Amino acid sequence: MKMLLSVLLFCSALCAQAAGLSLDGVKPAAIVDVRTPEEFAAGHIEGALNIPVERVGEGVSAIKGLNKESSILVYCRSGRRSAAAKATLEQLGYTHVVDGGAMQTLAPRLKPCTAKSC
């Protein structure tokens, strides 16, 4: 069951795009939750994709429409895994990775996109 959930969440990353949210006026091309599937299922930021930190490289590379210059926002529970995910993605050549840190502190900072922003 755990494997099936993981596969389903990973497959959803292939076609998903970030919700209409921005961080500091910038709309990321993808918002990636690097926690476990169980943590993600218990609650996450709207529009986020669940790609556990240990699979973030292969997961992000599978997202349709994303390239190495796309803005990618990563977050987790405390900030430790998101920092590791950012480092991994940068080692793979992604140039615009933002470490959002802990979900609890990131969520209030995200703003809906409007006609004037994003």
PDB file of N, CA and C in Angstrom:
ATOM      1  N   MET A   1       0.822  -1.191   0.000  1.00  0.00           N
ATOM      2  CA  MET A   1       0.000   0.000   0.000  1.00  0.00           C
ATOM      3  C   MET A   1       0.868   1.258   0.000  1.00  0.00           C
ATOM      4  N   LYS A   2       1.894   1.287   0.850  1.00  0.00           N
ATOM      5  CA  LYS A   2       2.781   2.436   0.925  1.00  0.00           C
ATOM      6  C   LYS A   2       3.461   2.676  -0.420  1.00  0.00           C
ATOM      7  N   MET A   3       3.874   1.615  -1.079  1.00  0.00           N
ATOM      8  CA  MET A   3       4.521   1.730  -2.382  1.00  0.00           C
ATOM      9  C   MET A   3       3.544   2.282  -3.412  1.00  0.00           C
ATOM     10  N   LEU A   4       2.298   1.820  -3.388  1.00  0.00           N
ATOM     11  CA  LEU A   4       1.293   2.291  -4.329  1.00  0.00           C
ATOM     12  C   LEU A   4       1.042   3.784  -4.139  1.00  0.00           C
ATOM     13  N   LEU A   5       0.916   4.227  -2.905  1.00  0.00           N
ATOM     14  CA  LEU A   5       0.708   5.640  -2.621  1.00  0.00           C
ATOM     15  C   LEU A   5       1.879   6.461  -3.134  1.00  0.00           C
ATOM     16  N   SER A   6       3.066   5.983  -2.904  1.00  0.00           N
ATOM     17  CA  SER A   6       4.266   6.679  -3.360  1.00  0.00           C
ATOM     18  C   SER A   6       4.287   6.791  -4.879  1.00  0.00           C
ATOM     19  N   VAL A   7       3.957   5.723  -5.570  1.00  0.00           N
ATOM     20  CA  VAL A   7       3.937   5.726  -7.036  1.00  0.00           C
ATOM     21  C   VAL A   7       2.870   6.684  -7.552  1.00  0.00           C
ATOM     22  N   LEU A   8       1.686   6.667  -6.957  1.00  0.00           N
ATOM     23  CA  LEU A   8       0.612   7.562  -7.398  1.00  0.00           C
ATOM     24  C   LEU A   8       0.986   9.023  -7.210  1.00  0.00           C
ATOM     25  N   LEU A   9       1.574   9.348  -6.076  1.00  0.00           N
ATOM     26  CA  LEU A   9       1.975  10.725  -5.831  1.00  0.00           C
ATOM     27  C   LEU A   9       3.091  11.139  -6.769  1.00  0.00           C
ATOM     28  N   PHE A  10       4.019  10.244  -7.035  1.00  0.00           N
ATOM     29  CA  PHE A  10       5.121  10.532  -7.945  1.00  0.00           C
ATOM     30  C   PHE A  10       4.597  10.747  -9.358  1.00  0.00           C
ATOM     31  N   CYS A  11       3.667   9.913  -9.797  1.00  0.00           N
ATOM     32  CA  CYS A  11       3.112  10.039 -11.142  1.00  0.00           C
ATOM     33  C   CYS A  11       2.356  11.344 -11.314  1.00  0.00           C
ATOM     34  N   SER A  12       1.727  11.829 -10.259  1.00  0.00           N
ATOM     35  CA  SER A  12       1.009  13.096 -10.379  1.00  0.00           C
ATOM     36  C   SER A  12       1.974  14.239 -10.670  1.00  0.00           C
ATOM     37  N   ALA A  13       3.229  14.078 -10.321  1.00  0.00           N
ATOM     38  CA  ALA A  13       4.227  15.109 -10.574  1.00  0.00           C
ATOM     39  C   ALA A  13       4.532  15.263 -12.054  1.00  0.00           C
ATOM     40  N   LEU A  14       4.252  14.269 -12.823  1.00  0.00           N
ATOM     41  CA  LEU A  14       4.581  14.326 -14.232  1.00  0.00           C
ATOM     42  C   LEU A  14       3.796  15.396 -14.982  1.00  0.00           C
ATOM     43  N   CYS A  15       2.598  15.691 -14.554  1.00  0.00           N
ATOM     44  CA  CYS A  15       1.738  16.622 -15.276  1.00  0.00           C
ATOM     45  C   CYS A  15       1.361  17.857 -14.471  1.00  0.00           C
ATOM     46  N   ALA A  16       1.671  17.883 -13.208  1.00  0.00           N
ATOM     47  CA  ALA A  16       1.194  18.960 -12.344  1.00  0.00           C
ATOM     48  C   ALA A  16       1.990  20.241 -12.536  1.00  0.00           C
ATOM     49  N   GLN A  17       1.350  21.339 -12.206  1.00  0.00           N
ATOM     50  CA  GLN A  17       1.999  22.637 -12.199  1.00  0.00           C
ATOM     51  C   GLN A  17       1.707  23.303 -10.871  1.00  0.00           C
ATOM     52  N   ALA A  18       2.517  24.282 -10.522  1.00  0.00           N
ATOM     53  CA  ALA A  18       2.320  24.982  -9.254  1.00  0.00           C
ATOM     54  C   ALA A  18       0.985  25.704  -9.246  1.00  0.00           C
ATOM     55  N   ALA A  19       0.392  25.761  -8.077  1.00  0.00           N
ATOM     56  CA  ALA A  19      -0.854  26.508  -7.910  1.00  0.00           C
ATOM     57  C   ALA A  19      -0.579  27.981  -8.164  1.00  0.00           C
ATOM     58  N   GLY A  20      -1.608  28.778  -8.237  1.00  0.00           N
ATOM     59  CA  GLY A  20      -1.450  30.205  -8.466  1.00  0.00           C
ATOM     60  C   GLY A  20      -0.963  30.923  -7.234  1.00  0.00           C
ATOM     61  N   LEU A  21       0.203  30.542  -6.743  1.00  0.00           N
ATOM     62  CA  LEU A  21       0.788  31.133  -5.545  1.00  0.00           C
ATOM     63  C   LEU A  21       2.137  31.746  -5.877  1.00  0.00           C
ATOM     64  N   SER A  22       2.489  32.785  -5.153  1.00  0.00           N
ATOM     65  CA  SER A  22       3.799  33.389  -5.338  1.00  0.00           C
ATOM     66  C   SER A  22       4.484  33.555  -3.984  1.00  0.00           C
ATOM     67  N   LEU A  23       5.789  33.597  -4.024  1.00  0.00           N
ATOM     68  CA  LEU A  23       6.605  33.845  -2.838  1.00  0.00           C
ATOM     69  C   LEU A  23       7.443  35.076  -3.150  1.00  0.00           C
ATOM     70  N   ASP A  24       7.247  36.128  -2.390  1.00  0.00           N
ATOM     71  CA  ASP A  24       7.963  37.387  -2.611  1.00  0.00           C
ATOM     72  C   ASP A  24       7.773  37.891  -4.040  1.00  0.00           C
ATOM     73  N   GLY A  25       6.558  37.721  -4.576  1.00  0.00           N
ATOM     74  CA  GLY A  25       6.230  38.218  -5.905  1.00  0.00           C
ATOM     75  C   GLY A  25       6.634  37.331  -7.059  1.00  0.00           C
ATOM     76  N   VAL A  26       7.216  36.173  -6.765  1.00  0.00           N
ATOM     77  CA  VAL A  26       7.664  35.262  -7.826  1.00  0.00           C
ATOM     78  C   VAL A  26       6.839  33.982  -7.767  1.00  0.00           C
ATOM     79  N   LYS A  27       6.235  33.619  -8.905  1.00  0.00           N
ATOM     80  CA  LYS A  27       5.459  32.382  -8.973  1.00  0.00           C
ATOM     81  C   LYS A  27       6.400  31.247  -9.377  1.00  0.00           C
ATOM     82  N   PRO A  28       6.579  30.268  -8.500  1.00  0.00           N
ATOM     83  CA  PRO A  28       7.441  29.143  -8.870  1.00  0.00           C
ATOM     84  C   PRO A  28       6.768  28.274  -9.933  1.00  0.00           C
ATOM     85  N   ALA A  29       7.581  27.686 -10.778  1.00  0.00           N
ATOM     86  CA  ALA A  29       7.062  26.756 -11.780  1.00  0.00           C
ATOM     87  C   ALA A  29       6.585  25.478 -11.106  1.00  0.00           C
ATOM     88  N   ALA A  30       7.195  25.134  -9.967  1.00  0.00           N
ATOM     89  CA  ALA A  30       6.797  23.948  -9.205  1.00  0.00           C
ATOM     90  C   ALA A  30       7.029  24.196  -7.722  1.00  0.00           C
ATOM     91  N   ILE A  31       6.088  23.718  -6.921  1.00  0.00           N
ATOM     92  CA  ILE A  31       6.237  23.725  -5.468  1.00  0.00           C
ATOM     93  C   ILE A  31       6.353  22.261  -5.060  1.00  0.00           C
ATOM     94  N   VAL A  32       7.474  21.906  -4.440  1.00  0.00           N
ATOM     95  CA  VAL A  32       7.768  20.506  -4.135  1.00  0.00           C
ATOM     96  C   VAL A  32       7.874  20.298  -2.630  1.00  0.00           C
ATOM     97  N   ASP A  33       7.016  19.420  -2.133  1.00  0.00           N
ATOM     98  CA  ASP A  33       7.017  18.997  -0.737  1.00  0.00           C
ATOM     99  C   ASP A  33       7.905  17.761  -0.667  1.00  0.00           C
ATOM    100  N   VAL A  34       9.021  17.860   0.045  1.00  0.00           N
ATOM    101  CA  VAL A  34       9.986  16.758   0.067  1.00  0.00           C
ATOM    102  C   VAL A  34       9.823  15.845   1.283  1.00  0.00           C
ATOM    103  N   ARG A  35       8.669  15.920   1.941  1.00  0.00           N
ATOM    104  CA  ARG A  35       8.382  15.033   3.074  1.00  0.00           C
ATOM    105  C   ARG A  35       7.921  13.666   2.566  1.00  0.00           C
ATOM    106  N   THR A  36       7.642  12.776   3.486  1.00  0.00           N
ATOM    107  CA  THR A  36       7.164  11.439   3.126  1.00  0.00           C
ATOM    108  C   THR A  36       5.736  11.519   2.590  1.00  0.00           C
ATOM    109  N   PRO A  37       5.297  10.508   1.843  1.00  0.00           N
ATOM    110  CA  PRO A  37       3.904  10.488   1.369  1.00  0.00           C
ATOM    111  C   PRO A  37       2.892  10.553   2.516  1.00  0.00           C
ATOM    112  N   GLU A  38       3.214   9.941   3.634  1.00  0.00           N
ATOM    113  CA  GLU A  38       2.310   9.970   4.784  1.00  0.00           C
ATOM    114  C   GLU A  38       2.174  11.387   5.345  1.00  0.00           C
ATOM    115  N   GLU A  39       3.285  12.091   5.455  1.00  0.00           N
ATOM    116  CA  GLU A  39       3.248  13.479   5.934  1.00  0.00           C
ATOM    117  C   GLU A  39       2.470  14.354   4.951  1.00  0.00           C
ATOM    118  N   PHE A  40       2.714  14.150   3.676  1.00  0.00           N
ATOM    119  CA  PHE A  40       2.022  14.911   2.634  1.00  0.00           C
ATOM    120  C   PHE A  40       0.517  14.682   2.708  1.00  0.00           C
ATOM    121  N   ALA A  41       0.118  13.422   2.874  1.00  0.00           N
ATOM    122  CA  ALA A  41      -1.306  13.082   2.940  1.00  0.00           C
ATOM    123  C   ALA A  41      -1.979  13.728   4.149  1.00  0.00           C
ATOM    124  N   ALA A  42      -1.231  13.982   5.204  1.00  0.00           N
ATOM    125  CA  ALA A  42      -1.790  14.591   6.411  1.00  0.00           C
ATOM    126  C   ALA A  42      -2.012  16.093   6.261  1.00  0.00           C
ATOM    127  N   GLY A  43      -1.473  16.681   5.203  1.00  0.00           N
ATOM    128  CA  GLY A  43      -1.647  18.105   4.947  1.00  0.00           C
ATOM    129  C   GLY A  43      -0.464  18.672   4.198  1.00  0.00           C
ATOM    130  N   HIS A  44      -0.751  19.549   3.235  1.00  0.00           N
ATOM    131  CA  HIS A  44       0.309  20.134   2.417  1.00  0.00           C
ATOM    132  C   HIS A  44      -0.162  21.456   1.827  1.00  0.00           C
ATOM    133  N   ILE A  45       0.735  22.172   1.221  1.00  0.00           N
ATOM    134  CA  ILE A  45       0.408  23.427   0.551  1.00  0.00           C
ATOM    135  C   ILE A  45      -0.315  23.099  -0.751  1.00  0.00           C
ATOM    136  N   GLU A  46      -1.403  23.808  -1.006  1.00  0.00           N
ATOM    137  CA  GLU A  46      -2.204  23.577  -2.204  1.00  0.00           C
ATOM    138  C   GLU A  46      -1.337  23.689  -3.462  1.00  0.00           C
ATOM    139  N   GLY A  47      -1.468  22.690  -4.317  1.00  0.00           N
ATOM    140  CA  GLY A  47      -0.731  22.683  -5.578  1.00  0.00           C
ATOM    141  C   GLY A  47       0.658  22.086  -5.488  1.00  0.00           C
ATOM    142  N   ALA A  48       1.100  21.731  -4.284  1.00  0.00           N
ATOM    143  CA  ALA A  48       2.440  21.154  -4.122  1.00  0.00           C
ATOM    144  C   ALA A  48       2.468  19.721  -4.636  1.00  0.00           C
ATOM    145  N   LEU A  49       3.631  19.334  -5.111  1.00  0.00           N
ATOM    146  CA  LEU A  49       3.883  17.963  -5.539  1.00  0.00           C
ATOM    147  C   LEU A  49       4.661  17.271  -4.434  1.00  0.00           C
ATOM    148  N   ASN A  50       4.360  16.021  -4.186  1.00  0.00           N
ATOM    149  CA  ASN A  50       5.094  15.276  -3.166  1.00  0.00           C
ATOM    150  C   ASN A  50       6.164  14.438  -3.825  1.00  0.00           C
ATOM    151  N   ILE A  51       7.415  14.845  -3.618  1.00  0.00           N
ATOM    152  CA  ILE A  51       8.564  14.081  -4.089  1.00  0.00           C
ATOM    153  C   ILE A  51       9.505  13.964  -2.894  1.00  0.00           C
ATOM    154  N   PRO A  52       9.524  12.816  -2.235  1.00  0.00           N
ATOM    155  CA  PRO A  52      10.390  12.665  -1.055  1.00  0.00           C
ATOM    156  C   PRO A  52      11.839  13.032  -1.364  1.00  0.00           C
ATOM    157  N   VAL A  53      12.509  13.583  -0.378  1.00  0.00           N
ATOM    158  CA  VAL A  53      13.855  14.122  -0.555  1.00  0.00           C
ATOM    159  C   VAL A  53      14.815  13.126  -1.204  1.00  0.00           C
ATOM    160  N   GLU A  54      14.688  11.850  -0.851  1.00  0.00           N
ATOM    161  CA  GLU A  54      15.631  10.871  -1.415  1.00  0.00           C
ATOM    162  C   GLU A  54      15.379  10.599  -2.903  1.00  0.00           C
ATOM    163  N   ARG A  55      14.270  11.104  -3.453  1.00  0.00           N
ATOM    164  CA  ARG A  55      13.949  10.905  -4.875  1.00  0.00           C
ATOM    165  C   ARG A  55      13.779  12.227  -5.610  1.00  0.00           C
ATOM    166  N   VAL A  56      14.210  13.328  -4.993  1.00  0.00           N
ATOM    167  CA  VAL A  56      13.923  14.641  -5.546  1.00  0.00           C
ATOM    168  C   VAL A  56      14.567  14.865  -6.921  1.00  0.00           C
ATOM    169  N   GLY A  57      15.748  14.368  -7.135  1.00  0.00           N
ATOM    170  CA  GLY A  57      16.408  14.560  -8.433  1.00  0.00           C
ATOM    171  C   GLY A  57      15.635  13.938  -9.576  1.00  0.00           C
ATOM    172  N   GLU A  58      15.324  12.660  -9.447  1.00  0.00           N
ATOM    173  CA  GLU A  58      14.572  11.973 -10.504  1.00  0.00           C
ATOM    174  C   GLU A  58      13.145  12.492 -10.599  1.00  0.00           C
ATOM    175  N   GLY A  59      12.555  12.845  -9.476  1.00  0.00           N
ATOM    176  CA  GLY A  59      11.178  13.339  -9.475  1.00  0.00           C
ATOM    177  C   GLY A  59      11.041  14.672 -10.177  1.00  0.00           C
ATOM    178  N   VAL A  60      11.913  15.613  -9.861  1.00  0.00           N
ATOM    179  CA  VAL A  60      11.846  16.933 -10.486  1.00  0.00           C
ATOM    180  C   VAL A  60      12.141  16.832 -11.975  1.00  0.00           C
ATOM    181  N   SER A  61      13.067  15.987 -12.350  1.00  0.00           N
ATOM    182  CA  SER A  61      13.384  15.852 -13.779  1.00  0.00           C
ATOM    183  C   SER A  61      12.213  15.274 -14.572  1.00  0.00           C
ATOM    184  N   ALA A  62      11.269  14.627 -13.899  1.00  0.00           N
ATOM    185  CA  ALA A  62      10.113  14.037 -14.577  1.00  0.00           C
ATOM    186  C   ALA A  62       8.936  14.996 -14.715  1.00  0.00           C
ATOM    187  N   ILE A  63       9.022  16.178 -14.126  1.00  0.00           N
ATOM    188  CA  ILE A  63       7.911  17.131 -14.195  1.00  0.00           C
ATOM    189  C   ILE A  63       7.874  17.762 -15.579  1.00  0.00           C
ATOM    190  N   LYS A  64       6.753  17.588 -16.255  1.00  0.00           N
ATOM    191  CA  LYS A  64       6.580  18.143 -17.598  1.00  0.00           C
ATOM    192  C   LYS A  64       6.706  19.655 -17.586  1.00  0.00           C
ATOM    193  N   GLY A  65       7.432  20.173 -18.563  1.00  0.00           N
ATOM    194  CA  GLY A  65       7.549  21.613 -18.726  1.00  0.00           C
ATOM    195  C   GLY A  65       8.601  22.274 -17.857  1.00  0.00           C
ATOM    196  N   LEU A  66       9.238  21.523 -16.983  1.00  0.00           N
ATOM    197  CA  LEU A  66      10.249  22.081 -16.096  1.00  0.00           C
ATOM    198  C   LEU A  66      11.619  21.911 -16.744  1.00  0.00           C
ATOM    199  N   ASN A  67      12.470  22.917 -16.597  1.00  0.00           N
ATOM    200  CA  ASN A  67      13.842  22.785 -17.081  1.00  0.00           C
ATOM    201  C   ASN A  67      14.798  23.275 -16.002  1.00  0.00           C
ATOM    202  N   LYS A  68      16.058  23.252 -16.280  1.00  0.00           N
ATOM    203  CA  LYS A  68      17.069  23.580 -15.269  1.00  0.00           C
ATOM    204  C   LYS A  68      17.024  25.049 -14.834  1.00  0.00           C
ATOM    205  N   GLU A  69      16.370  25.912 -15.619  1.00  0.00           N
ATOM    206  CA  GLU A  69      16.249  27.324 -15.270  1.00  0.00           C
ATOM    207  C   GLU A  69      14.904  27.659 -14.617  1.00  0.00           C
ATOM    208  N   SER A  70      14.007  26.690 -14.497  1.00  0.00           N
ATOM    209  CA  SER A  70      12.694  26.926 -13.893  1.00  0.00           C
ATOM    210  C   SER A  70      12.828  27.208 -12.401  1.00  0.00           C
ATOM    211  N   SER A  71      11.946  28.041 -11.892  1.00  0.00           N
ATOM    212  CA  SER A  71      11.914  28.341 -10.463  1.00  0.00           C
ATOM    213  C   SER A  71      11.227  27.195  -9.722  1.00  0.00           C
ATOM    214  N   ILE A  72      11.938  26.611  -8.767  1.00  0.00           N
ATOM    215  CA  ILE A  72      11.427  25.475  -7.997  1.00  0.00           C
ATOM    216  C   ILE A  72      11.479  25.837  -6.516  1.00  0.00           C
ATOM    217  N   LEU A  73      10.348  25.726  -5.851  1.00  0.00           N
ATOM    218  CA  LEU A  73      10.256  25.998  -4.425  1.00  0.00           C
ATOM    219  C   LEU A  73      10.131  24.671  -3.691  1.00  0.00           C
ATOM    220  N   VAL A  74      11.040  24.397  -2.766  1.00  0.00           N
ATOM    221  CA  VAL A  74      10.997  23.155  -1.993  1.00  0.00           C
ATOM    222  C   VAL A  74      10.730  23.481  -0.525  1.00  0.00           C
ATOM    223  N   TYR A  75      10.011  22.576   0.147  1.00  0.00           N
ATOM    224  CA  TYR A  75       9.747  22.749   1.577  1.00  0.00           C
ATOM    225  C   TYR A  75       9.579  21.388   2.234  1.00  0.00           C
ATOM    226  N   CYS A  76       9.607  21.391   3.576  1.00  0.00           N
ATOM    227  CA  CYS A  76       9.433  20.159   4.356  1.00  0.00           C
ATOM    228  C   CYS A  76       8.817  20.512   5.706  1.00  0.00           C
ATOM    229  N   ARG A  77       9.073  19.723   6.712  1.00  0.00           N
ATOM    230  CA  ARG A  77       8.511  19.977   8.036  1.00  0.00           C
ATOM    231  C   ARG A  77       9.334  20.990   8.826  1.00  0.00           C
ATOM    232  N   SER A  78      10.654  20.840   8.822  1.00  0.00           N
ATOM    233  CA  SER A  78      11.489  21.696   9.665  1.00  0.00           C
ATOM    234  C   SER A  78      12.492  22.555   8.895  1.00  0.00           C
ATOM    235  N   GLY A  79      12.771  22.193   7.648  1.00  0.00           N
ATOM    236  CA  GLY A  79      13.765  22.903   6.854  1.00  0.00           C
ATOM    237  C   GLY A  79      15.001  22.086   6.553  1.00  0.00           C
ATOM    238  N   ARG A  80      15.219  21.011   7.299  1.00  0.00           N
ATOM    239  CA  ARG A  80      16.406  20.179   7.074  1.00  0.00           C
ATOM    240  C   ARG A  80      16.351  19.473   5.727  1.00  0.00           C
ATOM    241  N   ARG A  81      15.232  18.806   5.431  1.00  0.00           N
ATOM    242  CA  ARG A  81      15.112  18.065   4.172  1.00  0.00           C
ATOM    243  C   ARG A  81      15.028  19.003   2.968  1.00  0.00           C
ATOM    244  N   SER A  82      14.394  20.151   3.150  1.00  0.00           N
ATOM    245  CA  SER A  82      14.318  21.092   2.025  1.00  0.00           C
ATOM    246  C   SER A  82      15.706  21.644   1.690  1.00  0.00           C
ATOM    247  N   ALA A  83      16.543  21.867   2.696  1.00  0.00           N
ATOM    248  CA  ALA A  83      17.919  22.315   2.450  1.00  0.00           C
ATOM    249  C   ALA A  83      18.696  21.235   1.685  1.00  0.00           C
ATOM    250  N   ALA A  84      18.508  19.980   2.067  1.00  0.00           N
ATOM    251  CA  ALA A  84      19.174  18.877   1.365  1.00  0.00           C
ATOM    252  C   ALA A  84      18.652  18.762  -0.069  1.00  0.00           C
ATOM    253  N   ALA A  85      17.350  18.946  -0.262  1.00  0.00           N
ATOM    254  CA  ALA A  85      16.759  18.872  -1.606  1.00  0.00           C
ATOM    255  C   ALA A  85      17.303  19.988  -2.488  1.00  0.00           C
ATOM    256  N   LYS A  86      17.405  21.188  -1.931  1.00  0.00           N
ATOM    257  CA  LYS A  86      17.952  22.325  -2.685  1.00  0.00           C
ATOM    258  C   LYS A  86      19.384  22.021  -3.122  1.00  0.00           C
ATOM    259  N   ALA A  87      20.196  21.510  -2.206  1.00  0.00           N
ATOM    260  CA  ALA A  87      21.586  21.177  -2.527  1.00  0.00           C
ATOM    261  C   ALA A  87      21.656  20.114  -3.621  1.00  0.00           C
ATOM    262  N   THR A  88      20.819  19.102  -3.525  1.00  0.00           N
ATOM    263  CA  THR A  88      20.796  18.034  -4.532  1.00  0.00           C
ATOM    264  C   THR A  88      20.431  18.600  -5.897  1.00  0.00           C
ATOM    265  N   LEU A  89      19.374  19.403  -5.943  1.00  0.00           N
ATOM    266  CA  LEU A  89      18.932  19.963  -7.225  1.00  0.00           C
ATOM    267  C   LEU A  89      19.985  20.897  -7.824  1.00  0.00           C
ATOM    268  N   GLU A  90      20.637  21.673  -6.990  1.00  0.00           N
ATOM    269  CA  GLU A  90      21.690  22.556  -7.492  1.00  0.00           C
ATOM    270  C   GLU A  90      22.870  21.749  -8.032  1.00  0.00           C
ATOM    271  N   GLN A  91      23.200  20.636  -7.377  1.00  0.00           N
ATOM    272  CA  GLN A  91      24.273  19.768  -7.882  1.00  0.00           C
ATOM    273  C   GLN A  91      23.911  19.179  -9.241  1.00  0.00           C
ATOM    274  N   LEU A  92      22.609  19.012  -9.478  1.00  0.00           N
ATOM    275  CA  LEU A  92      22.138  18.485 -10.765  1.00  0.00           C
ATOM    276  C   LEU A  92      22.005  19.573 -11.826  1.00  0.00           C
ATOM    277  N   GLY A  93      22.285  20.819 -11.460  1.00  0.00           N
ATOM    278  CA  GLY A  93      22.286  21.904 -12.436  1.00  0.00           C
ATOM    279  C   GLY A  93      21.072  22.809 -12.436  1.00  0.00           C
ATOM    280  N   TYR A  94      20.143  22.622 -11.498  1.00  0.00           N
ATOM    281  CA  TYR A  94      18.991  23.520 -11.409  1.00  0.00           C
ATOM    282  C   TYR A  94      19.470  24.836 -10.801  1.00  0.00           C
ATOM    283  N   THR A  95      19.132  25.946 -11.452  1.00  0.00           N
ATOM    284  CA  THR A  95      19.712  27.235 -11.066  1.00  0.00           C
ATOM    285  C   THR A  95      18.804  28.146 -10.251  1.00  0.00           C
ATOM    286  N   HIS A  96      17.510  27.842 -10.176  1.00  0.00           N
ATOM    287  CA  HIS A  96      16.581  28.708  -9.454  1.00  0.00           C
ATOM    288  C   HIS A  96      15.776  27.897  -8.436  1.00  0.00           C
ATOM    289  N   VAL A  97      16.480  27.324  -7.471  1.00  0.00           N
ATOM    290  CA  VAL A  97      15.829  26.534  -6.426  1.00  0.00           C
ATOM    291  C   VAL A  97      15.749  27.391  -5.165  1.00  0.00           C
ATOM    292  N   VAL A  98      14.538  27.496  -4.622  1.00  0.00           N
ATOM    293  CA  VAL A  98      14.323  28.275  -3.403  1.00  0.00           C
ATOM    294  C   VAL A  98      13.965  27.316  -2.285  1.00  0.00           C
ATOM    295  N   ASP A  99      14.700  27.409  -1.188  1.00  0.00           N
ATOM    296  CA  ASP A  99      14.410  26.602   0.001  1.00  0.00           C
ATOM    297  C   ASP A  99      13.390  27.348   0.840  1.00  0.00           C
ATOM    298  N   GLY A 100      12.147  26.871   0.807  1.00  0.00           N
ATOM    299  CA  GLY A 100      11.084  27.499   1.583  1.00  0.00           C
ATOM    300  C   GLY A 100      11.126  27.128   3.046  1.00  0.00           C
ATOM    301  N   GLY A 101      11.950  26.136   3.396  1.00  0.00           N
ATOM    302  CA  GLY A 101      12.063  25.730   4.792  1.00  0.00           C
ATOM    303  C   GLY A 101      10.842  24.980   5.274  1.00  0.00           C
ATOM    304  N   ALA A 102      10.427  25.285   6.491  1.00  0.00           N
ATOM    305  CA  ALA A 102       9.317  24.591   7.138  1.00  0.00           C
ATOM    306  C   ALA A 102       7.967  25.037   6.564  1.00  0.00           C
ATOM    307  N   MET A 103       7.089  24.067   6.338  1.00  0.00           N
ATOM    308  CA  MET A 103       5.761  24.358   5.801  1.00  0.00           C
ATOM    309  C   MET A 103       5.025  25.374   6.666  1.00  0.00           C
ATOM    310  N   GLN A 104       5.117  25.252   7.978  1.00  0.00           N
ATOM    311  CA  GLN A 104       4.397  26.135   8.898  1.00  0.00           C
ATOM    312  C   GLN A 104       4.798  27.600   8.723  1.00  0.00           C
ATOM    313  N   THR A 105       6.049  27.856   8.418  1.00  0.00           N
ATOM    314  CA  THR A 105       6.490  29.243   8.237  1.00  0.00           C
ATOM    315  C   THR A 105       6.365  29.694   6.785  1.00  0.00           C
ATOM    316  N   LEU A 106       6.407  28.764   5.858  1.00  0.00           N
ATOM    317  CA  LEU A 106       6.281  29.103   4.436  1.00  0.00           C
ATOM    318  C   LEU A 106       4.845  29.454   4.063  1.00  0.00           C
ATOM    319  N   ALA A 107       3.891  28.673   4.512  1.00  0.00           N
ATOM    320  CA  ALA A 107       2.492  28.838   4.094  1.00  0.00           C
ATOM    321  C   ALA A 107       1.983  30.278   4.234  1.00  0.00           C
ATOM    322  N   PRO A 108       2.216  30.965   5.357  1.00  0.00           N
ATOM    323  CA  PRO A 108       1.710  32.336   5.472  1.00  0.00           C
ATOM    324  C   PRO A 108       2.411  33.329   4.538  1.00  0.00           C
ATOM    325  N   ARG A 109       3.579  32.974   4.059  1.00  0.00           N
ATOM    326  CA  ARG A 109       4.338  33.855   3.161  1.00  0.00           C
ATOM    327  C   ARG A 109       3.883  33.736   1.712  1.00  0.00           C
ATOM    328  N   LEU A 110       3.179  32.665   1.375  1.00  0.00           N
ATOM    329  CA  LEU A 110       2.702  32.474   0.007  1.00  0.00           C
ATOM    330  C   LEU A 110       1.464  33.330  -0.219  1.00  0.00           C
ATOM    331  N   LYS A 111       1.432  34.003  -1.338  1.00  0.00           N
ATOM    332  CA  LYS A 111       0.314  34.879  -1.673  1.00  0.00           C
ATOM    333  C   LYS A 111      -0.325  34.411  -2.983  1.00  0.00           C
ATOM    334  N   PRO A 112      -1.651  34.538  -3.091  1.00  0.00           N
ATOM    335  CA  PRO A 112      -2.311  34.171  -4.344  1.00  0.00           C
ATOM    336  C   PRO A 112      -1.878  35.125  -5.468  1.00  0.00           C
ATOM    337  N   CYS A 113      -1.722  34.583  -6.641  1.00  0.00           N
ATOM    338  CA  CYS A 113      -1.412  35.404  -7.806  1.00  0.00           C
ATOM    339  C   CYS A 113      -2.652  36.203  -8.188  1.00  0.00           C
ATOM    340  N   THR A 114      -2.439  37.403  -8.617  1.00  0.00           N
ATOM    341  CA  THR A 114      -3.528  38.264  -9.070  1.00  0.00           C
ATOM    342  C   THR A 114      -3.234  38.701 -10.498  1.00  0.00           C
ATOM    343  N   ALA A 115      -4.119  39.460 -11.069  1.00  0.00           N
ATOM    344  CA  ALA A 115      -3.911  39.964 -12.430  1.00  0.00           C
ATOM    345  C   ALA A 115      -2.675  40.858 -12.506  1.00  0.00           C
ATOM    346  N   LYS A 116      -2.313  41.490 -11.383  1.00  0.00           N
ATOM    347  CA  LYS A 116      -1.163  42.393 -11.367  1.00  0.00           C
ATOM    348  C   LYS A 116       0.147  41.719 -10.987  1.00  0.00           C
ATOM    349  N   SER A 117       0.062  40.551 -10.361  1.00  0.00           N
ATOM    350  CA  SER A 117       1.288  39.848  -9.959  1.00  0.00           C
ATOM    351  C   SER A 117       1.288  38.438 -10.476  1.00  0.00           C
ATOM    352  N   CYS A 118       2.479  37.920 -10.683  1.00  0.00           N
ATOM    353  CA  CYS A 118       2.720  36.578 -11.214  1.00  0.00           C
ATOM    354  C   CYS A 118       2.620  36.646 -12.691  1.00  0.00           C
TER     355      CYS A 118
END
